Amino acid sequence: MATKQGKKKQRGGEIPKPVLYLRELRKYLREVVYELRKVVWPSRKETIGTTVVVLIVVLVFGIYLGIVDSILSRVVRFLIE
């Protein structure tokens, strides 16, 4: 006689799904808090420095792409006319 593995019935019957979902949610949130405690957060100085670098790089690439776009637009207009 084959038995079903993986599904166990409890003595009082099955646990309602909403209760199982709440247990899983609480477990998940507990694990999230545990992991966040292990994170090494950057200092304010590091955050500002990194942000400034990112803004400068974005500005430089924006100017570069703007110039390339302008040149290519003029080339295409010249070829069409």
PDB file of N, CA and C in Angstrom:
ATOM      1  N   MET A   1       0.847  -1.176   0.000  1.00  0.00           N
ATOM      2  CA  MET A   1       0.000   0.000   0.000  1.00  0.00           C
ATOM      3  C   MET A   1       0.897   1.245   0.000  1.00  0.00           C
ATOM      4  N   ALA A   2       0.691   2.106  -0.955  1.00  0.00           N
ATOM      5  CA  ALA A   2       1.509   3.314  -1.086  1.00  0.00           C
ATOM      6  C   ALA A   2       0.988   4.382  -0.138  1.00  0.00           C
ATOM      7  N   THR A   3       1.927   5.125   0.447  1.00  0.00           N
ATOM      8  CA  THR A   3       1.540   6.224   1.337  1.00  0.00           C
ATOM      9  C   THR A   3       1.930   7.531   0.684  1.00  0.00           C
ATOM     10  N   LYS A   4       1.163   8.565   0.987  1.00  0.00           N
ATOM     11  CA  LYS A   4       1.465   9.889   0.443  1.00  0.00           C
ATOM     12  C   LYS A   4       2.516  10.540   1.329  1.00  0.00           C
ATOM     13  N   GLN A   5       3.610  10.914   0.707  1.00  0.00           N
ATOM     14  CA  GLN A   5       4.650  11.596   1.462  1.00  0.00           C
ATOM     15  C   GLN A   5       4.571  13.080   1.174  1.00  0.00           C
ATOM     16  N   GLY A   6       4.941  13.877   2.135  1.00  0.00           N
ATOM     17  CA  GLY A   6       4.950  15.325   1.933  1.00  0.00           C
ATOM     18  C   GLY A   6       3.724  15.997   2.519  1.00  0.00           C
ATOM     19  N   LYS A   7       2.609  15.300   2.616  1.00  0.00           N
ATOM     20  CA  LYS A   7       1.417  15.895   3.203  1.00  0.00           C
ATOM     21  C   LYS A   7       1.108  15.159   4.492  1.00  0.00           C
ATOM     22  N   LYS A   8       1.205  15.873   5.588  1.00  0.00           N
ATOM     23  CA  LYS A   8       0.912  15.268   6.875  1.00  0.00           C
ATOM     24  C   LYS A   8      -0.344  15.918   7.438  1.00  0.00           C
ATOM     25  N   LYS A   9      -1.206  15.121   7.965  1.00  0.00           N
ATOM     26  CA  LYS A   9      -2.393  15.660   8.611  1.00  0.00           C
ATOM     27  C   LYS A   9      -2.110  15.792  10.098  1.00  0.00           C
ATOM     28  N   GLN A  10      -2.580  16.857  10.665  1.00  0.00           N
ATOM     29  CA  GLN A  10      -2.450  17.037  12.088  1.00  0.00           C
ATOM     30  C   GLN A  10      -3.633  16.397  12.784  1.00  0.00           C
ATOM     31  N   ARG A  11      -3.510  16.174  14.077  1.00  0.00           N
ATOM     32  CA  ARG A  11      -4.561  15.497  14.820  1.00  0.00           C
ATOM     33  C   ARG A  11      -5.881  16.242  14.760  1.00  0.00           C
ATOM     34  N   GLY A  12      -5.857  17.533  14.837  1.00  0.00           N
ATOM     35  CA  GLY A  12      -7.085  18.321  14.849  1.00  0.00           C
ATOM     36  C   GLY A  12      -7.593  18.633  13.458  1.00  0.00           C
ATOM     37  N   GLY A  13      -7.005  18.082  12.442  1.00  0.00           N
ATOM     38  CA  GLY A  13      -7.386  18.410  11.078  1.00  0.00           C
ATOM     39  C   GLY A  13      -6.340  19.315  10.452  1.00  0.00           C
ATOM     40  N   GLU A  14      -6.641  19.808   9.267  1.00  0.00           N
ATOM     41  CA  GLU A  14      -5.700  20.668   8.565  1.00  0.00           C
ATOM     42  C   GLU A  14      -5.764  22.091   9.110  1.00  0.00           C
ATOM     43  N   ILE A  15      -4.627  22.777   9.024  1.00  0.00           N
ATOM     44  CA  ILE A  15      -4.560  24.175   9.458  1.00  0.00           C
ATOM     45  C   ILE A  15      -5.114  25.024   8.326  1.00  0.00           C
ATOM     46  N   PRO A  16      -6.002  25.980   8.636  1.00  0.00           N
ATOM     47  CA  PRO A  16      -6.575  26.838   7.580  1.00  0.00           C
ATOM     48  C   PRO A  16      -5.480  27.592   6.822  1.00  0.00           C
ATOM     49  N   LYS A  17      -5.700  27.788   5.522  1.00  0.00           N
ATOM     50  CA  LYS A  17      -4.701  28.459   4.676  1.00  0.00           C
ATOM     51  C   LYS A  17      -4.340  29.854   5.170  1.00  0.00           C
ATOM     52  N   PRO A  18      -5.304  30.695   5.584  1.00  0.00           N
ATOM     53  CA  PRO A  18      -4.895  32.029   6.056  1.00  0.00           C
ATOM     54  C   PRO A  18      -3.917  31.972   7.224  1.00  0.00           C
ATOM     55  N   VAL A  19      -4.085  30.989   8.101  1.00  0.00           N
ATOM     56  CA  VAL A  19      -3.166  30.852   9.230  1.00  0.00           C
ATOM     57  C   VAL A  19      -1.780  30.465   8.725  1.00  0.00           C
ATOM     58  N   LEU A  20      -1.721  29.561   7.750  1.00  0.00           N
ATOM     59  CA  LEU A  20      -0.429  29.169   7.175  1.00  0.00           C
ATOM     60  C   LEU A  20       0.252  30.348   6.492  1.00  0.00           C
ATOM     61  N   TYR A  21      -0.534  31.136   5.749  1.00  0.00           N
ATOM     62  CA  TYR A  21       0.030  32.308   5.076  1.00  0.00           C
ATOM     63  C   TYR A  21       0.579  33.306   6.089  1.00  0.00           C
ATOM     64  N   LEU A  22      -0.137  33.522   7.176  1.00  0.00           N
ATOM     65  CA  LEU A  22       0.337  34.451   8.208  1.00  0.00           C
ATOM     66  C   LEU A  22       1.626  33.935   8.851  1.00  0.00           C
ATOM     67  N   ARG A  23       1.700  32.640   9.098  1.00  0.00           N
ATOM     68  CA  ARG A  23       2.928  32.064   9.671  1.00  0.00           C
ATOM     69  C   ARG A  23       4.104  32.266   8.728  1.00  0.00           C
ATOM     70  N   GLU A  24       3.880  32.001   7.451  1.00  0.00           N
ATOM     71  CA  GLU A  24       4.946  32.164   6.461  1.00  0.00           C
ATOM     72  C   GLU A  24       5.368  33.629   6.339  1.00  0.00           C
ATOM     73  N   LEU A  25       4.384  34.533   6.382  1.00  0.00           N
ATOM     74  CA  LEU A  25       4.689  35.962   6.304  1.00  0.00           C
ATOM     75  C   LEU A  25       5.521  36.398   7.505  1.00  0.00           C
ATOM     76  N   ARG A  26       5.134  35.963   8.695  1.00  0.00           N
ATOM     77  CA  ARG A  26       5.885  36.316   9.904  1.00  0.00           C
ATOM     78  C   ARG A  26       7.302  35.758   9.841  1.00  0.00           C
ATOM     79  N   LYS A  27       7.437  34.528   9.367  1.00  0.00           N
ATOM     80  CA  LYS A  27       8.760  33.914   9.234  1.00  0.00           C
ATOM     81  C   LYS A  27       9.609  34.710   8.240  1.00  0.00           C
ATOM     82  N   TYR A  28       9.010  35.074   7.110  1.00  0.00           N
ATOM     83  CA  TYR A  28       9.723  35.841   6.082  1.00  0.00           C
ATOM     84  C   TYR A  28      10.186  37.190   6.641  1.00  0.00           C
ATOM     85  N   LEU A  29       9.289  37.905   7.320  1.00  0.00           N
ATOM     86  CA  LEU A  29       9.641  39.214   7.864  1.00  0.00           C
ATOM     87  C   LEU A  29      10.726  39.099   8.936  1.00  0.00           C
ATOM     88  N   ARG A  30      10.675  38.046   9.741  1.00  0.00           N
ATOM     89  CA  ARG A  30      11.703  37.818  10.754  1.00  0.00           C
ATOM     90  C   ARG A  30      13.063  37.621  10.090  1.00  0.00           C
ATOM     91  N   GLU A  31      13.089  36.860   8.992  1.00  0.00           N
ATOM     92  CA  GLU A  31      14.338  36.632   8.270  1.00  0.00           C
ATOM     93  C   GLU A  31      14.846  37.901   7.597  1.00  0.00           C
ATOM     94  N   VAL A  32      13.936  38.735   7.107  1.00  0.00           N
ATOM     95  CA  VAL A  32      14.334  40.009   6.491  1.00  0.00           C
ATOM     96  C   VAL A  32      15.017  40.897   7.523  1.00  0.00           C
ATOM     97  N   VAL A  33      14.413  41.012   8.706  1.00  0.00           N
ATOM     98  CA  VAL A  33      15.006  41.831   9.766  1.00  0.00           C
ATOM     99  C   VAL A  33      16.377  41.289  10.146  1.00  0.00           C
ATOM    100  N   TYR A  34      16.499  39.962  10.250  1.00  0.00           N
ATOM    101  CA  TYR A  34      17.777  39.346  10.594  1.00  0.00           C
ATOM    102  C   TYR A  34      18.851  39.688   9.555  1.00  0.00           C
ATOM    103  N   GLU A  35      18.497  39.610   8.282  1.00  0.00           N
ATOM    104  CA  GLU A  35      19.462  39.918   7.222  1.00  0.00           C
ATOM    105  C   GLU A  35      19.828  41.397   7.206  1.00  0.00           C
ATOM    106  N   LEU A  36      18.848  42.267   7.452  1.00  0.00           N
ATOM    107  CA  LEU A  36      19.134  43.704   7.447  1.00  0.00           C
ATOM    108  C   LEU A  36      20.075  44.099   8.581  1.00  0.00           C
ATOM    109  N   ARG A  37      20.062  43.348   9.668  1.00  0.00           N
ATOM    110  CA  ARG A  37      20.991  43.638  10.765  1.00  0.00           C
ATOM    111  C   ARG A  37      22.428  43.324  10.377  1.00  0.00           C
ATOM    112  N   LYS A  38      22.626  42.444   9.395  1.00  0.00           N
ATOM    113  CA  LYS A  38      23.975  42.076   8.971  1.00  0.00           C
ATOM    114  C   LYS A  38      24.535  43.039   7.922  1.00  0.00           C
ATOM    115  N   VAL A  39      23.712  43.913   7.377  1.00  0.00           N
ATOM    116  CA  VAL A  39      24.151  44.827   6.319  1.00  0.00           C
ATOM    117  C   VAL A  39      25.077  45.893   6.900  1.00  0.00           C
ATOM    118  N   VAL A  40      26.159  46.164   6.190  1.00  0.00           N
ATOM    119  CA  VAL A  40      27.067  47.244   6.574  1.00  0.00           C
ATOM    120  C   VAL A  40      26.690  48.459   5.735  1.00  0.00           C
ATOM    121  N   TRP A  41      26.053  49.427   6.359  1.00  0.00           N
ATOM    122  CA  TRP A  41      25.568  50.595   5.636  1.00  0.00           C
ATOM    123  C   TRP A  41      26.697  51.597   5.446  1.00  0.00           C
ATOM    124  N   PRO A  42      26.751  52.276   4.275  1.00  0.00           N
ATOM    125  CA  PRO A  42      27.801  53.275   4.049  1.00  0.00           C
ATOM    126  C   PRO A  42      27.561  54.513   4.906  1.00  0.00           C
ATOM    127  N   SER A  43      28.651  55.207   5.176  1.00  0.00           N
ATOM    128  CA  SER A  43      28.531  56.436   5.953  1.00  0.00           C
ATOM    129  C   SER A  43      27.931  57.541   5.084  1.00  0.00           C
ATOM    130  N   ARG A  44      27.550  58.629   5.718  1.00  0.00           N
ATOM    131  CA  ARG A  44      26.979  59.761   4.980  1.00  0.00           C
ATOM    132  C   ARG A  44      27.997  60.306   3.974  1.00  0.00           C
ATOM    133  N   LYS A  45      29.269  60.381   4.397  1.00  0.00           N
ATOM    134  CA  LYS A  45      30.324  60.903   3.533  1.00  0.00           C
ATOM    135  C   LYS A  45      30.502  60.012   2.296  1.00  0.00           C
ATOM    136  N   GLU A  46      30.506  58.694   2.481  1.00  0.00           N
ATOM    137  CA  GLU A  46      30.637  57.770   1.349  1.00  0.00           C
ATOM    138  C   GLU A  46      29.446  57.881   0.403  1.00  0.00           C
ATOM    139  N   THR A  47      28.254  58.010   0.964  1.00  0.00           N
ATOM    140  CA  THR A  47      27.049  58.122   0.142  1.00  0.00           C
ATOM    141  C   THR A  47      27.075  59.385  -0.699  1.00  0.00           C
ATOM    142  N   ILE A  48      27.449  60.508  -0.097  1.00  0.00           N
ATOM    143  CA  ILE A  48      27.507  61.777  -0.841  1.00  0.00           C
ATOM    144  C   ILE A  48      28.584  61.705  -1.925  1.00  0.00           C
ATOM    145  N   GLY A  49      29.745  61.150  -1.587  1.00  0.00           N
ATOM    146  CA  GLY A  49      30.827  61.038  -2.571  1.00  0.00           C
ATOM    147  C   GLY A  49      30.422  60.181  -3.763  1.00  0.00           C
ATOM    148  N   THR A  50      29.803  59.053  -3.493  1.00  0.00           N
ATOM    149  CA  THR A  50      29.367  58.171  -4.570  1.00  0.00           C
ATOM    150  C   THR A  50      28.300  58.837  -5.426  1.00  0.00           C
ATOM    151  N   THR A  51      27.375  59.538  -4.786  1.00  0.00           N
ATOM    152  CA  THR A  51      26.314  60.234  -5.521  1.00  0.00           C
ATOM    153  C   THR A  51      26.889  61.295  -6.444  1.00  0.00           C
ATOM    154  N   VAL A  52      27.870  62.041  -5.963  1.00  0.00           N
ATOM    155  CA  VAL A  52      28.502  63.077  -6.786  1.00  0.00           C
ATOM    156  C   VAL A  52      29.195  62.448  -7.997  1.00  0.00           C
ATOM    157  N   VAL A  53      29.893  61.347  -7.786  1.00  0.00           N
ATOM    158  CA  VAL A  53      30.568  60.666  -8.902  1.00  0.00           C
ATOM    159  C   VAL A  53      29.548  60.213  -9.944  1.00  0.00           C
ATOM    160  N   VAL A  54      28.445  59.620  -9.490  1.00  0.00           N
ATOM    161  CA  VAL A  54      27.416  59.151 -10.417  1.00  0.00           C
ATOM    162  C   VAL A  54      26.833  60.318 -11.205  1.00  0.00           C
ATOM    163  N   LEU A  55      26.528  61.421 -10.547  1.00  0.00           N
ATOM    164  CA  LEU A  55      25.967  62.591 -11.238  1.00  0.00           C
ATOM    165  C   LEU A  55      26.935  63.153 -12.275  1.00  0.00           C
ATOM    166  N   ILE A  56      28.224  63.203 -11.941  1.00  0.00           N
ATOM    167  CA  ILE A  56      29.216  63.718 -12.889  1.00  0.00           C
ATOM    168  C   ILE A  56      29.314  62.800 -14.112  1.00  0.00           C
ATOM    169  N   VAL A  57      29.347  61.476 -13.879  1.00  0.00           N
ATOM    170  CA  VAL A  57      29.434  60.524 -14.995  1.00  0.00           C
ATOM    171  C   VAL A  57      28.203  60.637 -15.885  1.00  0.00           C
ATOM    172  N   VAL A  58      27.023  60.748 -15.287  1.00  0.00           N
ATOM    173  CA  VAL A  58      25.790  60.891 -16.070  1.00  0.00           C
ATOM    174  C   VAL A  58      25.826  62.173 -16.889  1.00  0.00           C
ATOM    175  N   LEU A  59      26.285  63.260 -16.298  1.00  0.00           N
ATOM    176  CA  LEU A  59      26.376  64.542 -17.006  1.00  0.00           C
ATOM    177  C   LEU A  59      27.351  64.448 -18.184  1.00  0.00           C
ATOM    178  N   VAL A  60      28.516  63.841 -17.963  1.00  0.00           N
ATOM    179  CA  VAL A  60      29.520  63.720 -19.027  1.00  0.00           C
ATOM    180  C   VAL A  60      28.976  62.864 -20.177  1.00  0.00           C
ATOM    181  N   PHE A  61      28.379  61.711 -19.855  1.00  0.00           N
ATOM    182  CA  PHE A  61      27.833  60.866 -20.910  1.00  0.00           C
ATOM    183  C   PHE A  61      26.652  61.527 -21.609  1.00  0.00           C
ATOM    184  N   GLY A  62      25.861  62.288 -20.878  1.00  0.00           N
ATOM    185  CA  GLY A  62      24.751  63.009 -21.499  1.00  0.00           C
ATOM    186  C   GLY A  62      25.249  64.021 -22.515  1.00  0.00           C
ATOM    187  N   ILE A  63      26.288  64.773 -22.164  1.00  0.00           N
ATOM    188  CA  ILE A  63      26.862  65.754 -23.084  1.00  0.00           C
ATOM    189  C   ILE A  63      27.463  65.039 -24.301  1.00  0.00           C
ATOM    190  N   TYR A  64      28.197  63.952 -24.060  1.00  0.00           N
ATOM    191  CA  TYR A  64      28.801  63.176 -25.147  1.00  0.00           C
ATOM    192  C   TYR A  64      27.732  62.661 -26.108  1.00  0.00           C
ATOM    193  N   LEU A  65      26.697  62.033 -25.574  1.00  0.00           N
ATOM    194  CA  LEU A  65      25.643  61.501 -26.431  1.00  0.00           C
ATOM    195  C   LEU A  65      24.884  62.613 -27.156  1.00  0.00           C
ATOM    196  N   GLY A  66      24.741  63.760 -26.514  1.00  0.00           N
ATOM    197  CA  GLY A  66      24.096  64.897 -27.170  1.00  0.00           C
ATOM    198  C   GLY A  66      24.906  65.375 -28.368  1.00  0.00           C
ATOM    199  N   ILE A  67      26.211  65.446 -28.205  1.00  0.00           N
ATOM    200  CA  ILE A  67      27.083  65.875 -29.308  1.00  0.00           C
ATOM    201  C   ILE A  67      27.050  64.854 -30.446  1.00  0.00           C
ATOM    202  N   VAL A  68      27.155  63.561 -30.114  1.00  0.00           N
ATOM    203  CA  VAL A  68      27.120  62.511 -31.139  1.00  0.00           C
ATOM    204  C   VAL A  68      25.784  62.538 -31.866  1.00  0.00           C
ATOM    205  N   ASP A  69      24.689  62.695 -31.137  1.00  0.00           N
ATOM    206  CA  ASP A  69      23.359  62.754 -31.750  1.00  0.00           C
ATOM    207  C   ASP A  69      23.247  63.943 -32.700  1.00  0.00           C
ATOM    208  N   SER A  70      23.767  65.084 -32.282  1.00  0.00           N
ATOM    209  CA  SER A  70      23.721  66.282 -33.127  1.00  0.00           C
ATOM    210  C   SER A  70      24.509  66.067 -34.430  1.00  0.00           C
ATOM    211  N   ILE A  71      25.692  65.488 -34.304  1.00  0.00           N
ATOM    212  CA  ILE A  71      26.510  65.249 -35.493  1.00  0.00           C
ATOM    213  C   ILE A  71      25.820  64.259 -36.435  1.00  0.00           C
ATOM    214  N   LEU A  72      25.314  63.161 -35.882  1.00  0.00           N
ATOM    215  CA  LEU A  72      24.651  62.170 -36.725  1.00  0.00           C
ATOM    216  C   LEU A  72      23.375  62.723 -37.359  1.00  0.00           C
ATOM    217  N   SER A  73      22.653  63.573 -36.645  1.00  0.00           N
ATOM    218  CA  SER A  73      21.452  64.189 -37.215  1.00  0.00           C
ATOM    219  C   SER A  73      21.809  65.056 -38.416  1.00  0.00           C
ATOM    220  N   ARG A  74      22.885  65.817 -38.303  1.00  0.00           N
ATOM    221  CA  ARG A  74      23.299  66.671 -39.420  1.00  0.00           C
ATOM    222  C   ARG A  74      23.755  65.833 -40.610  1.00  0.00           C
ATOM    223  N   VAL A  75      24.454  64.716 -40.324  1.00  0.00           N
ATOM    224  CA  VAL A  75      24.904  63.835 -41.409  1.00  0.00           C
ATOM    225  C   VAL A  75      23.699  63.245 -42.130  1.00  0.00           C
ATOM    226  N   VAL A  76      22.703  62.800 -41.403  1.00  0.00           N
ATOM    227  CA  VAL A  76      21.511  62.206 -42.011  1.00  0.00           C
ATOM    228  C   VAL A  76      20.757  63.262 -42.813  1.00  0.00           C
ATOM    229  N   ARG A  77      20.610  64.458 -42.250  1.00  0.00           N
ATOM    230  CA  ARG A  77      19.927  65.539 -42.989  1.00  0.00           C
ATOM    231  C   ARG A  77      20.667  65.858 -44.285  1.00  0.00           C
ATOM    232  N   PHE A  78      22.007  65.879 -44.245  1.00  0.00           N
ATOM    233  CA  PHE A  78      22.807  66.163 -45.422  1.00  0.00           C
ATOM    234  C   PHE A  78      22.599  65.079 -46.493  1.00  0.00           C
ATOM    235  N   LEU A  79      22.519  63.810 -46.056  1.00  0.00           N
ATOM    236  CA  LEU A  79      22.352  62.709 -46.991  1.00  0.00           C
ATOM    237  C   LEU A  79      20.947  62.695 -47.593  1.00  0.00           C
ATOM    238  N   ILE A  80      19.961  63.110 -46.836  1.00  0.00           N
ATOM    239  CA  ILE A  80      18.574  63.106 -47.331  1.00  0.00           C
ATOM    240  C   ILE A  80      18.358  64.230 -48.333  1.00  0.00           C
ATOM    241  N   GLU A  81      18.901  65.394 -48.088  1.00  0.00           N
ATOM    242  CA  GLU A  81      18.673  66.553 -48.956  1.00  0.00           C
ATOM    243  C   GLU A  81      19.440  66.498 -50.213  1.00  0.00           C
TER     244      GLU A  81
END
